[in-house]
Amino acid sequence: MQKRKLGKSGLEVSAVGLGCMGMSFSYGPPADKQEMISLLRSAVERGVTFFDTAEVYGPFTNEELLGEGLSPFRGQVIIATKFGFNLDPKFDLRGSPGLNSQPEHIRQVAEGSLKRLKVDAIDLFYQHRVDPDVPIEDVAGAVKELIQEGKVKHFGLSEAAAKTIRRAHAVQPVTAVQSEYSLWTRIPEAEVLATLEELGIGFVPYSPLGRGFLTGKINENTTFDKSDFRNALPRFTPEARKANQALVELLAKIAERKKATPAQIAIAWLLAQKPWIVPIPGTTKLARLDENIGAATLELTPDDLREIDSASSKIKVQGARYTEKLEKLTGR
């Protein structure tokens, strides 16, 4: 597996990481724990060194899974986790969760995450969503203290706006920003990517396969488990899924020519945007893991990229990516 550095931080990770949320949370019932431990270890054997989790995934169970699954590989892998929500046992991602980035809460989350992940220091600690009630300077300062104490190594932000990134970076250098980015969600191109390039910050696109849609395995007739988060998303209504097939058809056309899959084209497209971009597709299946990491060796030519950009610019993606409540938590 090729390696990439997240901006100027020196943090080196595999070119494709593994998003672990879906193993425990959000896309239907949690997967079998032993099977997921096996999958995590298979990922390491295949050269994946970058794993993404959060205390909110479960809550807590996803961090515990990674703590157990990756314990034989201490020092060989980078685990990113996140803080910023008030959690209770009934936490539901489809609602409007309460934000909490008060410095004392950040410290409490860090202590809990260290125990669950079974590590001495958190490799990359993201603010999960910007909290408008806490100045970002205070958030960055709290993480800076944790870094000085050796409990955290790198600071990150998720779904933050360019101005917020600048303000945070002035207090504690930001190693990476994580936001949704793919051929069907291109919001970061407006301001964020240029800001990251200027400041030397890495970028970690989550949902690089459009929550599974860009794989070509989902159409308007697909039914999801009642606990699946996608049931609540406007972009996953049957009407939107039908309209958005045009994007999948474009990927399939390129994939056929390149002897690849639509998912591999979608990930390779992200990798081709900047050398400091590291996508984190998620999966619970070994075959999909192999497919996703195979994108790291797929080269899209300048002509391929021009064709994708030209054709995709004519496709208007239907449906909002989040519910209105959840969308309000982004871009602040």
C-alpha atoms as a PDB file:
ATOM      1  CA  MET A   1       0.000   0.000   0.000  1.00  0.00           C
ATOM      2  CA  GLN A   2       1.300   3.440  -0.921  1.00  0.00           C
ATOM      3  CA  LYS A   3       1.679   5.987   1.886  1.00  0.00           C
ATOM      4  CA  ARG A   4       0.642   9.632   2.032  1.00  0.00           C
ATOM      5  CA  LYS A   5       1.455  12.472   4.403  1.00  0.00           C
ATOM      6  CA  LEU A   6      -1.399  14.516   5.832  1.00  0.00           C
ATOM      7  CA  GLY A   7      -0.248  17.993   4.896  1.00  0.00           C
ATOM      8  CA  LYS A   8       2.957  19.312   6.448  1.00  0.00           C
ATOM      9  CA  SER A   9       2.377  17.565   9.770  1.00  0.00           C
ATOM     10  CA  GLY A  10       4.588  14.606   8.947  1.00  0.00           C
ATOM     11  CA  LEU A  11       1.782  12.195   9.871  1.00  0.00           C
ATOM     12  CA  GLU A  12       2.150   9.379   7.335  1.00  0.00           C
ATOM     13  CA  VAL A  13      -0.699   6.954   6.690  1.00  0.00           C
ATOM     14  CA  SER A  14      -1.805   4.465   4.052  1.00  0.00           C
ATOM     15  CA  ALA A  15      -3.161   6.149   0.903  1.00  0.00           C
ATOM     16  CA  VAL A  16      -6.574   4.607   1.620  1.00  0.00           C
ATOM     17  CA  GLY A  17      -7.783   4.320   5.217  1.00  0.00           C
ATOM     18  CA  LEU A  18     -10.693   2.422   6.733  1.00  0.00           C
ATOM     19  CA  GLY A  19     -13.804   4.138   8.081  1.00  0.00           C
ATOM     20  CA  CYS A  20     -15.104   1.915  10.875  1.00  0.00           C
ATOM     21  CA  MET A  21     -18.439   3.538  11.844  1.00  0.00           C
ATOM     22  CA  GLY A  22     -20.588   1.076   9.894  1.00  0.00           C
ATOM     23  CA  MET A  23     -19.166  -1.878  11.800  1.00  0.00           C
ATOM     24  CA  SER A  24     -21.093  -0.798  14.902  1.00  0.00           C
ATOM     25  CA  PHE A  25     -23.522   1.946  14.004  1.00  0.00           C
ATOM     26  CA  SER A  26     -25.696   3.689  11.477  1.00  0.00           C
ATOM     27  CA  TYR A  27     -26.018   1.266   8.551  1.00  0.00           C
ATOM     28  CA  GLY A  28     -28.282  -1.331  10.129  1.00  0.00           C
ATOM     29  CA  PRO A  29     -27.619  -3.703  13.055  1.00  0.00           C
ATOM     30  CA  PRO A  30     -24.028  -3.924  14.342  1.00  0.00           C
ATOM     31  CA  ALA A  31     -21.905  -6.509  12.542  1.00  0.00           C
ATOM     32  CA  ASP A  32     -20.548  -9.574  14.356  1.00  0.00           C
ATOM     33  CA  LYS A  33     -17.722  -8.431  16.648  1.00  0.00           C
ATOM     34  CA  GLN A  34     -15.340 -11.314  15.941  1.00  0.00           C
ATOM     35  CA  GLU A  35     -15.850 -10.941  12.196  1.00  0.00           C
ATOM     36  CA  MET A  36     -15.038  -7.223  12.446  1.00  0.00           C
ATOM     37  CA  ILE A  37     -11.906  -7.912  14.515  1.00  0.00           C
ATOM     38  CA  SER A  38     -10.836 -10.298  11.762  1.00  0.00           C
ATOM     39  CA  LEU A  39     -11.579  -7.625   9.133  1.00  0.00           C
ATOM     40  CA  LEU A  40      -9.542  -4.989  11.004  1.00  0.00           C
ATOM     41  CA  ARG A  41      -6.587  -7.336  11.209  1.00  0.00           C
ATOM     42  CA  SER A  42      -6.930  -8.301   7.544  1.00  0.00           C
ATOM     43  CA  ALA A  43      -6.814  -4.584   6.700  1.00  0.00           C
ATOM     44  CA  VAL A  44      -3.505  -4.219   8.562  1.00  0.00           C
ATOM     45  CA  GLU A  45      -2.114  -7.276   6.762  1.00  0.00           C
ATOM     46  CA  ARG A  46      -3.004  -5.571   3.473  1.00  0.00           C
ATOM     47  CA  GLY A  47      -1.143  -2.389   4.372  1.00  0.00           C
ATOM     48  CA  VAL A  48      -3.932  -0.214   5.787  1.00  0.00           C
ATOM     49  CA  THR A  49      -2.501   1.863   8.631  1.00  0.00           C
ATOM     50  CA  PHE A  50      -5.226   4.519   9.091  1.00  0.00           C
ATOM     51  CA  PHE A  51      -8.438   3.723  10.972  1.00  0.00           C
ATOM     52  CA  ASP A  52     -11.299   6.106  11.760  1.00  0.00           C
ATOM     53  CA  THR A  53     -13.692   5.889  14.693  1.00  0.00           C
ATOM     54  CA  ALA A  54     -15.489   8.164  17.225  1.00  0.00           C
ATOM     55  CA  GLU A  55     -16.922   7.858  20.716  1.00  0.00           C
ATOM     56  CA  VAL A  56     -20.362   8.522  19.245  1.00  0.00           C
ATOM     57  CA  TYR A  57     -20.269   5.396  17.049  1.00  0.00           C
ATOM     58  CA  GLY A  58     -22.262   3.008  19.190  1.00  0.00           C
ATOM     59  CA  PRO A  59     -21.898   5.079  21.357  1.00  0.00           C
ATOM     60  CA  PHE A  60     -18.523   3.784  22.552  1.00  0.00           C
ATOM     61  CA  THR A  61     -18.712   0.273  21.061  1.00  0.00           C
ATOM     62  CA  ASN A  62     -16.787   1.156  17.893  1.00  0.00           C
ATOM     63  CA  GLU A  63     -13.826   2.503  19.850  1.00  0.00           C
ATOM     64  CA  GLU A  64     -13.894  -0.645  21.995  1.00  0.00           C
ATOM     65  CA  LEU A  65     -13.906  -2.770  18.837  1.00  0.00           C
ATOM     66  CA  LEU A  66     -10.831  -0.988  17.457  1.00  0.00           C
ATOM     67  CA  GLY A  67      -9.131  -1.148  20.847  1.00  0.00           C
ATOM     68  CA  GLU A  68      -9.443  -4.923  20.858  1.00  0.00           C
ATOM     69  CA  GLY A  69      -8.992  -5.548  17.134  1.00  0.00           C
ATOM     70  CA  LEU A  70      -5.906  -3.390  16.682  1.00  0.00           C
ATOM     71  CA  SER A  71      -4.181  -4.097  20.007  1.00  0.00           C
ATOM     72  CA  PRO A  72      -1.586  -6.425  18.391  1.00  0.00           C
ATOM     73  CA  PHE A  73      -0.469  -3.581  16.117  1.00  0.00           C
ATOM     74  CA  ARG A  74       0.354  -0.806  18.576  1.00  0.00           C
ATOM     75  CA  GLY A  75       2.819   1.614  17.017  1.00  0.00           C
ATOM     76  CA  GLN A  76       2.111   0.291  13.517  1.00  0.00           C
ATOM     77  CA  VAL A  77      -1.286   1.922  12.936  1.00  0.00           C
ATOM     78  CA  ILE A  78      -2.843   5.376  13.271  1.00  0.00           C
ATOM     79  CA  ILE A  79      -6.259   5.555  14.943  1.00  0.00           C
ATOM     80  CA  ALA A  80      -8.324   8.728  14.607  1.00  0.00           C
ATOM     81  CA  THR A  81     -11.233   9.376  16.951  1.00  0.00           C
ATOM     82  CA  LYS A  82     -13.502  12.334  17.731  1.00  0.00           C
ATOM     83  CA  PHE A  83     -15.081  14.437  20.472  1.00  0.00           C
ATOM     84  CA  GLY A  84     -17.857  17.003  20.542  1.00  0.00           C
ATOM     85  CA  PHE A  85     -21.239  15.463  21.362  1.00  0.00           C
ATOM     86  CA  ASN A  86     -23.267  15.054  24.531  1.00  0.00           C
ATOM     87  CA  LEU A  87     -24.054  11.367  24.575  1.00  0.00           C
ATOM     88  CA  ASP A  88     -26.742   9.324  26.241  1.00  0.00           C
ATOM     89  CA  PRO A  89     -27.789   5.687  25.769  1.00  0.00           C
ATOM     90  CA  LYS A  90     -30.544   6.706  23.342  1.00  0.00           C
ATOM     91  CA  PHE A  91     -28.274   8.714  21.060  1.00  0.00           C
ATOM     92  CA  ASP A  92     -29.541   8.596  17.481  1.00  0.00           C
ATOM     93  CA  LEU A  93     -27.636  10.081  14.561  1.00  0.00           C
ATOM     94  CA  ARG A  94     -30.929  10.834  12.797  1.00  0.00           C
ATOM     95  CA  GLY A  95     -31.914  13.364  15.427  1.00  0.00           C
ATOM     96  CA  SER A  96     -30.178  16.589  16.372  1.00  0.00           C
ATOM     97  CA  PRO A  97     -27.546  15.579  18.912  1.00  0.00           C
ATOM     98  CA  GLY A  98     -26.385  18.068  21.501  1.00  0.00           C
ATOM     99  CA  LEU A  99     -22.942  19.512  20.908  1.00  0.00           C
ATOM    100  CA  ASN A 100     -20.383  19.874  23.670  1.00  0.00           C
ATOM    101  CA  SER A 101     -16.835  21.078  23.018  1.00  0.00           C
ATOM    102  CA  GLN A 102     -16.288  22.645  26.425  1.00  0.00           C
ATOM    103  CA  PRO A 103     -12.603  22.160  27.342  1.00  0.00           C
ATOM    104  CA  GLU A 104     -13.410  20.039  30.398  1.00  0.00           C
ATOM    105  CA  HIS A 105     -15.628  17.789  28.252  1.00  0.00           C
ATOM    106  CA  ILE A 106     -12.870  17.389  25.633  1.00  0.00           C
ATOM    107  CA  ARG A 107     -10.569  16.190  28.404  1.00  0.00           C
ATOM    108  CA  GLN A 108     -13.180  13.704  29.683  1.00  0.00           C
ATOM    109  CA  VAL A 109     -13.698  12.316  26.180  1.00  0.00           C
ATOM    110  CA  ALA A 110      -9.943  11.941  25.677  1.00  0.00           C
ATOM    111  CA  GLU A 111      -9.582   9.958  28.904  1.00  0.00           C
ATOM    112  CA  GLY A 112     -12.455   7.659  27.909  1.00  0.00           C
ATOM    113  CA  SER A 113     -11.161   7.166  24.376  1.00  0.00           C
ATOM    114  CA  LEU A 114      -7.663   6.307  25.614  1.00  0.00           C
ATOM    115  CA  LYS A 115      -9.115   3.502  27.749  1.00  0.00           C
ATOM    116  CA  ARG A 116     -11.426   2.140  25.045  1.00  0.00           C
ATOM    117  CA  LEU A 117      -8.756   2.269  22.335  1.00  0.00           C
ATOM    118  CA  LYS A 118      -6.185   0.739  24.728  1.00  0.00           C
ATOM    119  CA  VAL A 119      -3.550   3.309  23.740  1.00  0.00           C
ATOM    120  CA  ASP A 120      -1.245   5.689  25.601  1.00  0.00           C
ATOM    121  CA  ALA A 121      -1.953   8.563  23.195  1.00  0.00           C
ATOM    122  CA  ILE A 122      -4.678   9.359  20.658  1.00  0.00           C
ATOM    123  CA  ASP A 123      -3.014   9.632  17.242  1.00  0.00           C
ATOM    124  CA  LEU A 124      -5.512  12.093  15.737  1.00  0.00           C
ATOM    125  CA  PHE A 125      -8.272  13.780  17.753  1.00  0.00           C
ATOM    126  CA  TYR A 126     -10.960  15.518  15.704  1.00  0.00           C
ATOM    127  CA  GLN A 127     -13.642  17.922  16.838  1.00  0.00           C
ATOM    128  CA  HIS A 128     -16.602  16.037  15.363  1.00  0.00           C
ATOM    129  CA  ARG A 129     -18.706  19.130  14.705  1.00  0.00           C
ATOM    130  CA  VAL A 130     -18.013  22.796  15.403  1.00  0.00           C
ATOM    131  CA  ASP A 131     -19.754  23.958  18.584  1.00  0.00           C
ATOM    132  CA  PRO A 132     -21.017  27.551  18.158  1.00  0.00           C
ATOM    133  CA  ASP A 133     -21.187  27.951  21.948  1.00  0.00           C
ATOM    134  CA  VAL A 134     -17.445  27.406  22.424  1.00  0.00           C
ATOM    135  CA  PRO A 135     -14.871  29.630  20.691  1.00  0.00           C
ATOM    136  CA  ILE A 136     -12.749  27.463  18.398  1.00  0.00           C
ATOM    137  CA  GLU A 137      -9.666  29.011  20.025  1.00  0.00           C
ATOM    138  CA  ASP A 138     -10.738  27.419  23.342  1.00  0.00           C
ATOM    139  CA  VAL A 139     -11.215  24.058  21.627  1.00  0.00           C
ATOM    140  CA  ALA A 140      -7.790  24.246  19.975  1.00  0.00           C
ATOM    141  CA  GLY A 141      -6.268  25.333  23.292  1.00  0.00           C
ATOM    142  CA  ALA A 142      -7.768  22.355  25.116  1.00  0.00           C
ATOM    143  CA  VAL A 143      -6.370  19.934  22.539  1.00  0.00           C
ATOM    144  CA  LYS A 144      -3.024  21.742  22.653  1.00  0.00           C
ATOM    145  CA  GLU A 145      -2.844  21.020  26.394  1.00  0.00           C
ATOM    146  CA  LEU A 146      -3.592  17.344  25.766  1.00  0.00           C
ATOM    147  CA  ILE A 147      -0.831  17.276  23.141  1.00  0.00           C
ATOM    148  CA  GLN A 148       1.616  18.882  25.603  1.00  0.00           C
ATOM    149  CA  GLU A 149       0.665  16.220  28.153  1.00  0.00           C
ATOM    150  CA  GLY A 150       1.340  13.437  25.640  1.00  0.00           C
ATOM    151  CA  LYS A 151      -2.270  12.224  25.577  1.00  0.00           C
ATOM    152  CA  VAL A 152      -2.938  13.353  21.987  1.00  0.00           C
ATOM    153  CA  LYS A 153      -0.528  13.536  19.046  1.00  0.00           C
ATOM    154  CA  HIS A 154      -2.468  15.444  16.352  1.00  0.00           C
ATOM    155  CA  PHE A 155      -5.477  17.797  16.195  1.00  0.00           C
ATOM    156  CA  GLY A 156      -8.201  17.625  13.565  1.00  0.00           C
ATOM    157  CA  LEU A 157     -11.517  19.218  12.647  1.00  0.00           C
ATOM    158  CA  SER A 158     -14.553  17.696  10.953  1.00  0.00           C
ATOM    159  CA  GLU A 159     -16.960  19.557   8.652  1.00  0.00           C
ATOM    160  CA  ALA A 160     -15.491  22.932   9.647  1.00  0.00           C
ATOM    161  CA  ALA A 161     -15.633  26.068   7.509  1.00  0.00           C
ATOM    162  CA  ALA A 162     -12.472  27.707   6.137  1.00  0.00           C
ATOM    163  CA  LYS A 163     -12.548  30.627   8.616  1.00  0.00           C
ATOM    164  CA  THR A 164     -12.886  28.252  11.563  1.00  0.00           C
ATOM    165  CA  ILE A 165      -9.984  26.148  10.299  1.00  0.00           C
ATOM    166  CA  ARG A 166      -7.785  29.262  10.121  1.00  0.00           C
ATOM    167  CA  ARG A 167      -8.684  30.369  13.642  1.00  0.00           C
ATOM    168  CA  ALA A 168      -8.044  26.916  15.117  1.00  0.00           C
ATOM    169  CA  HIS A 169      -4.777  26.477  13.214  1.00  0.00           C
ATOM    170  CA  ALA A 170      -3.444  29.752  14.654  1.00  0.00           C
ATOM    171  CA  VAL A 171      -3.704  28.303  18.186  1.00  0.00           C
ATOM    172  CA  GLN A 172      -2.779  24.651  17.570  1.00  0.00           C
ATOM    173  CA  PRO A 173      -1.668  23.465  14.122  1.00  0.00           C
ATOM    174  CA  VAL A 174      -4.394  21.360  12.526  1.00  0.00           C
ATOM    175  CA  THR A 175      -3.070  18.130  11.020  1.00  0.00           C
ATOM    176  CA  ALA A 176      -6.193  17.082   9.120  1.00  0.00           C
ATOM    177  CA  VAL A 177      -9.721  18.148   8.281  1.00  0.00           C
ATOM    178  CA  GLN A 178     -12.335  15.484   7.685  1.00  0.00           C
ATOM    179  CA  SER A 179     -15.456  16.265   5.663  1.00  0.00           C
ATOM    180  CA  GLU A 180     -17.729  14.467   3.270  1.00  0.00           C
ATOM    181  CA  TYR A 181     -16.252  14.631  -0.219  1.00  0.00           C
ATOM    182  CA  SER A 182     -16.953  12.562  -3.302  1.00  0.00           C
ATOM    183  CA  LEU A 183     -18.189  12.946  -6.839  1.00  0.00           C
ATOM    184  CA  TRP A 184     -21.666  13.544  -5.451  1.00  0.00           C
ATOM    185  CA  THR A 185     -20.708  15.861  -2.567  1.00  0.00           C
ATOM    186  CA  ARG A 186     -18.200  18.457  -3.724  1.00  0.00           C
ATOM    187  CA  ILE A 187     -18.796  21.173  -1.103  1.00  0.00           C
ATOM    188  CA  PRO A 188     -15.128  21.286   0.088  1.00  0.00           C
ATOM    189  CA  GLU A 189     -14.042  22.486  -3.354  1.00  0.00           C
ATOM    190  CA  ALA A 190     -15.639  25.896  -2.763  1.00  0.00           C
ATOM    191  CA  GLU A 191     -13.256  27.131  -0.041  1.00  0.00           C
ATOM    192  CA  VAL A 192     -11.913  24.410   2.198  1.00  0.00           C
ATOM    193  CA  LEU A 193      -9.458  22.638  -0.123  1.00  0.00           C
ATOM    194  CA  ALA A 194      -7.661  25.862  -1.070  1.00  0.00           C
ATOM    195  CA  THR A 195      -7.405  26.821   2.604  1.00  0.00           C
ATOM    196  CA  LEU A 196      -5.924  23.438   3.496  1.00  0.00           C
ATOM    197  CA  GLU A 197      -3.391  23.666   0.682  1.00  0.00           C
ATOM    198  CA  GLU A 198      -2.330  27.133   1.837  1.00  0.00           C
ATOM    199  CA  LEU A 199      -1.950  26.068   5.470  1.00  0.00           C
ATOM    200  CA  GLY A 200      -0.410  22.650   4.802  1.00  0.00           C
ATOM    201  CA  ILE A 201      -3.257  20.630   6.308  1.00  0.00           C
ATOM    202  CA  GLY A 202      -4.245  17.145   5.145  1.00  0.00           C
ATOM    203  CA  PHE A 203      -7.767  16.236   4.023  1.00  0.00           C
ATOM    204  CA  VAL A 204      -9.663  13.056   4.892  1.00  0.00           C
ATOM    205  CA  PRO A 205     -12.838  12.547   2.835  1.00  0.00           C
ATOM    206  CA  TYR A 206     -15.446  10.424   4.580  1.00  0.00           C
ATOM    207  CA  SER A 207     -18.240   8.727   2.625  1.00  0.00           C
ATOM    208  CA  PRO A 208     -16.045   8.723  -0.511  1.00  0.00           C
ATOM    209  CA  LEU A 209     -18.492   6.221  -2.022  1.00  0.00           C
ATOM    210  CA  GLY A 210     -21.572   8.297  -1.252  1.00  0.00           C
ATOM    211  CA  ARG A 211     -22.679   6.027   1.631  1.00  0.00           C
ATOM    212  CA  GLY A 212     -22.523   3.086  -0.760  1.00  0.00           C
ATOM    213  CA  PHE A 213     -24.436   4.657  -3.615  1.00  0.00           C
ATOM    214  CA  LEU A 214     -21.434   5.152  -5.907  1.00  0.00           C
ATOM    215  CA  THR A 215     -20.624   1.435  -5.829  1.00  0.00           C
ATOM    216  CA  GLY A 216     -23.490   0.792  -8.232  1.00  0.00           C
ATOM    217  CA  LYS A 217     -25.044  -1.731  -5.821  1.00  0.00           C
ATOM    218  CA  ILE A 218     -27.942   0.546  -4.797  1.00  0.00           C
ATOM    219  CA  ASN A 219     -30.920   1.609  -6.925  1.00  0.00           C
ATOM    220  CA  GLU A 220     -34.418   2.997  -6.365  1.00  0.00           C
ATOM    221  CA  ASN A 221     -35.704  -0.474  -5.419  1.00  0.00           C
ATOM    222  CA  THR A 222     -33.102  -1.160  -2.735  1.00  0.00           C
ATOM    223  CA  THR A 223     -34.560  -1.503   0.766  1.00  0.00           C
ATOM    224  CA  PHE A 224     -32.544  -0.742   3.890  1.00  0.00           C
ATOM    225  CA  ASP A 225     -32.901  -2.178   7.384  1.00  0.00           C
ATOM    226  CA  LYS A 226     -35.267  -0.074   9.507  1.00  0.00           C
ATOM    227  CA  SER A 227     -32.333   0.999  11.709  1.00  0.00           C
ATOM    228  CA  ASP A 228     -30.313   2.203   8.702  1.00  0.00           C
ATOM    229  CA  PHE A 229     -29.468   5.909   8.899  1.00  0.00           C
ATOM    230  CA  ARG A 230     -29.932   6.291   5.110  1.00  0.00           C
ATOM    231  CA  ASN A 231     -33.706   5.887   5.447  1.00  0.00           C
ATOM    232  CA  ALA A 232     -33.801   9.426   6.868  1.00  0.00           C
ATOM    233  CA  LEU A 233     -31.609  11.097   4.236  1.00  0.00           C
ATOM    234  CA  PRO A 234     -33.264  13.099   1.427  1.00  0.00           C
ATOM    235  CA  ARG A 235     -30.654  11.860  -1.062  1.00  0.00           C
ATOM    236  CA  PHE A 236     -31.766   8.274  -0.438  1.00  0.00           C
ATOM    237  CA  THR A 237     -35.446   8.594  -1.256  1.00  0.00           C
ATOM    238  CA  PRO A 238     -36.363   6.235  -4.137  1.00  0.00           C
ATOM    239  CA  GLU A 239     -36.916   9.253  -6.409  1.00  0.00           C
ATOM    240  CA  ALA A 240     -33.490  10.735  -5.639  1.00  0.00           C
ATOM    241  CA  ARG A 241     -31.784   7.372  -6.043  1.00  0.00           C
ATOM    242  CA  LYS A 242     -33.371   6.950  -9.449  1.00  0.00           C
ATOM    243  CA  ALA A 243     -32.345  10.434 -10.569  1.00  0.00           C
ATOM    244  CA  ASN A 244     -28.792  10.000  -9.262  1.00  0.00           C
ATOM    245  CA  GLN A 245     -28.124   6.792 -11.210  1.00  0.00           C
ATOM    246  CA  ALA A 246     -26.653   8.997 -13.945  1.00  0.00           C
ATOM    247  CA  LEU A 247     -23.560   9.505 -11.793  1.00  0.00           C
ATOM    248  CA  VAL A 248     -23.175   5.765 -11.221  1.00  0.00           C
ATOM    249  CA  GLU A 249     -23.550   5.146 -14.952  1.00  0.00           C
ATOM    250  CA  LEU A 250     -20.709   7.598 -15.618  1.00  0.00           C
ATOM    251  CA  LEU A 251     -18.454   5.774 -13.138  1.00  0.00           C
ATOM    252  CA  ALA A 252     -19.422   2.404 -14.622  1.00  0.00           C
ATOM    253  CA  LYS A 253     -18.504   3.604 -18.111  1.00  0.00           C
ATOM    254  CA  ILE A 254     -15.009   4.700 -16.990  1.00  0.00           C
ATOM    255  CA  ALA A 255     -14.630   1.546 -14.885  1.00  0.00           C
ATOM    256  CA  GLU A 256     -15.297  -0.737 -17.811  1.00  0.00           C
ATOM    257  CA  ARG A 257     -12.587   0.959 -19.827  1.00  0.00           C
ATOM    258  CA  LYS A 258     -10.080   0.842 -16.966  1.00  0.00           C
ATOM    259  CA  LYS A 259     -10.952  -2.759 -16.005  1.00  0.00           C
ATOM    260  CA  ALA A 260     -11.966  -1.555 -12.566  1.00  0.00           C
ATOM    261  CA  THR A 261     -15.178  -1.095 -10.556  1.00  0.00           C
ATOM    262  CA  PRO A 262     -17.248   2.098 -10.104  1.00  0.00           C
ATOM    263  CA  ALA A 263     -16.132   2.218  -6.453  1.00  0.00           C
ATOM    264  CA  GLN A 264     -12.479   2.086  -7.467  1.00  0.00           C
ATOM    265  CA  ILE A 265     -12.963   4.919  -9.961  1.00  0.00           C
ATOM    266  CA  ALA A 266     -14.683   7.035  -7.286  1.00  0.00           C
ATOM    267  CA  ILE A 267     -11.811   6.519  -4.819  1.00  0.00           C
ATOM    268  CA  ALA A 268      -9.089   6.931  -7.467  1.00  0.00           C
ATOM    269  CA  TRP A 269     -10.713  10.219  -8.502  1.00  0.00           C
ATOM    270  CA  LEU A 270     -10.344  11.517  -4.931  1.00  0.00           C
ATOM    271  CA  LEU A 271      -6.729  10.348  -4.705  1.00  0.00           C
ATOM    272  CA  ALA A 272      -5.991  12.176  -7.955  1.00  0.00           C
ATOM    273  CA  GLN A 273      -7.254  15.528  -6.647  1.00  0.00           C
ATOM    274  CA  LYS A 274      -4.363  16.223  -4.231  1.00  0.00           C
ATOM    275  CA  PRO A 275      -1.418  14.203  -2.861  1.00  0.00           C
ATOM    276  CA  TRP A 276      -2.484  15.059   0.709  1.00  0.00           C
ATOM    277  CA  ILE A 277      -5.994  13.600   0.405  1.00  0.00           C
ATOM    278  CA  VAL A 278      -6.627  10.254   2.142  1.00  0.00           C
ATOM    279  CA  PRO A 279     -10.144   8.810   1.709  1.00  0.00           C
ATOM    280  CA  ILE A 280     -11.576   6.468   4.345  1.00  0.00           C
ATOM    281  CA  PRO A 281     -14.180   4.211   2.712  1.00  0.00           C
ATOM    282  CA  GLY A 282     -15.983   1.985   5.183  1.00  0.00           C
ATOM    283  CA  THR A 283     -17.028  -1.627   4.816  1.00  0.00           C
ATOM    284  CA  THR A 284     -17.883  -4.749   6.794  1.00  0.00           C
ATOM    285  CA  LYS A 285     -16.853  -7.152   4.005  1.00  0.00           C
ATOM    286  CA  LEU A 286     -13.385  -8.414   3.116  1.00  0.00           C
ATOM    287  CA  ALA A 287     -14.112  -8.429  -0.629  1.00  0.00           C
ATOM    288  CA  ARG A 288     -15.125  -4.763  -0.478  1.00  0.00           C
ATOM    289  CA  LEU A 289     -12.015  -3.926   1.552  1.00  0.00           C
ATOM    290  CA  ASP A 290      -9.865  -5.495  -1.179  1.00  0.00           C
ATOM    291  CA  GLU A 291     -11.819  -3.627  -3.840  1.00  0.00           C
ATOM    292  CA  ASN A 292     -11.438  -0.286  -2.067  1.00  0.00           C
ATOM    293  CA  ILE A 293      -7.725  -0.537  -1.384  1.00  0.00           C
ATOM    294  CA  GLY A 294      -7.210  -1.675  -4.973  1.00  0.00           C
ATOM    295  CA  ALA A 295      -8.079   1.891  -5.987  1.00  0.00           C
ATOM    296  CA  ALA A 296      -4.716   3.050  -4.618  1.00  0.00           C
ATOM    297  CA  THR A 297      -2.923   1.437  -7.568  1.00  0.00           C
ATOM    298  CA  LEU A 298      -5.418   2.614 -10.182  1.00  0.00           C
ATOM    299  CA  GLU A 299      -4.093   5.524 -12.214  1.00  0.00           C
ATOM    300  CA  LEU A 300      -6.510   7.934 -13.841  1.00  0.00           C
ATOM    301  CA  THR A 301      -4.921   9.846 -16.713  1.00  0.00           C
ATOM    302  CA  PRO A 302      -5.453  13.582 -17.233  1.00  0.00           C
ATOM    303  CA  ASP A 303      -7.866  12.628 -20.030  1.00  0.00           C
ATOM    304  CA  ASP A 304      -9.807  10.334 -17.669  1.00  0.00           C
ATOM    305  CA  LEU A 305     -10.062  13.098 -15.092  1.00  0.00           C
ATOM    306  CA  ARG A 306     -11.179  15.660 -17.667  1.00  0.00           C
ATOM    307  CA  GLU A 307     -13.856  13.281 -18.903  1.00  0.00           C
ATOM    308  CA  ILE A 308     -15.122  12.609 -15.372  1.00  0.00           C
ATOM    309  CA  ASP A 309     -15.196  16.308 -14.474  1.00  0.00           C
ATOM    310  CA  SER A 310     -16.851  17.327 -17.715  1.00  0.00           C
ATOM    311  CA  ALA A 311     -19.538  14.651 -17.575  1.00  0.00           C
ATOM    312  CA  SER A 312     -20.205  14.965 -13.832  1.00  0.00           C
ATOM    313  CA  SER A 313     -20.579  18.753 -14.101  1.00  0.00           C
ATOM    314  CA  LYS A 314     -23.659  18.153 -16.260  1.00  0.00           C
ATOM    315  CA  ILE A 315     -25.266  15.883 -13.646  1.00  0.00           C
ATOM    316  CA  LYS A 316     -27.260  17.626 -10.924  1.00  0.00           C
ATOM    317  CA  VAL A 317     -27.313  15.460  -7.829  1.00  0.00           C
ATOM    318  CA  GLN A 318     -30.829  15.251  -6.378  1.00  0.00           C
ATOM    319  CA  GLY A 319     -31.602  15.442  -2.650  1.00  0.00           C
ATOM    320  CA  ALA A 320     -29.829  16.987   0.343  1.00  0.00           C
ATOM    321  CA  ARG A 321     -27.053  14.907   1.868  1.00  0.00           C
ATOM    322  CA  TYR A 322     -28.393  15.276   5.423  1.00  0.00           C
ATOM    323  CA  THR A 323     -31.623  16.111   7.200  1.00  0.00           C
ATOM    324  CA  GLU A 324     -32.010  19.829   7.813  1.00  0.00           C
ATOM    325  CA  LYS A 325     -31.080  19.443  11.505  1.00  0.00           C
ATOM    326  CA  LEU A 326     -27.866  17.569  10.778  1.00  0.00           C
ATOM    327  CA  GLU A 327     -26.903  19.857   7.891  1.00  0.00           C
ATOM    328  CA  LYS A 328     -27.022  22.815  10.295  1.00  0.00           C
ATOM    329  CA  LEU A 329     -24.149  21.216  12.213  1.00  0.00           C
ATOM    330  CA  THR A 330     -21.810  21.424   9.213  1.00  0.00           C
ATOM    331  CA  GLY A 331     -19.862  24.231   7.562  1.00  0.00           C
ATOM    332  CA  ARG A 332     -19.525  26.423  10.645  1.00  0.00           C
END
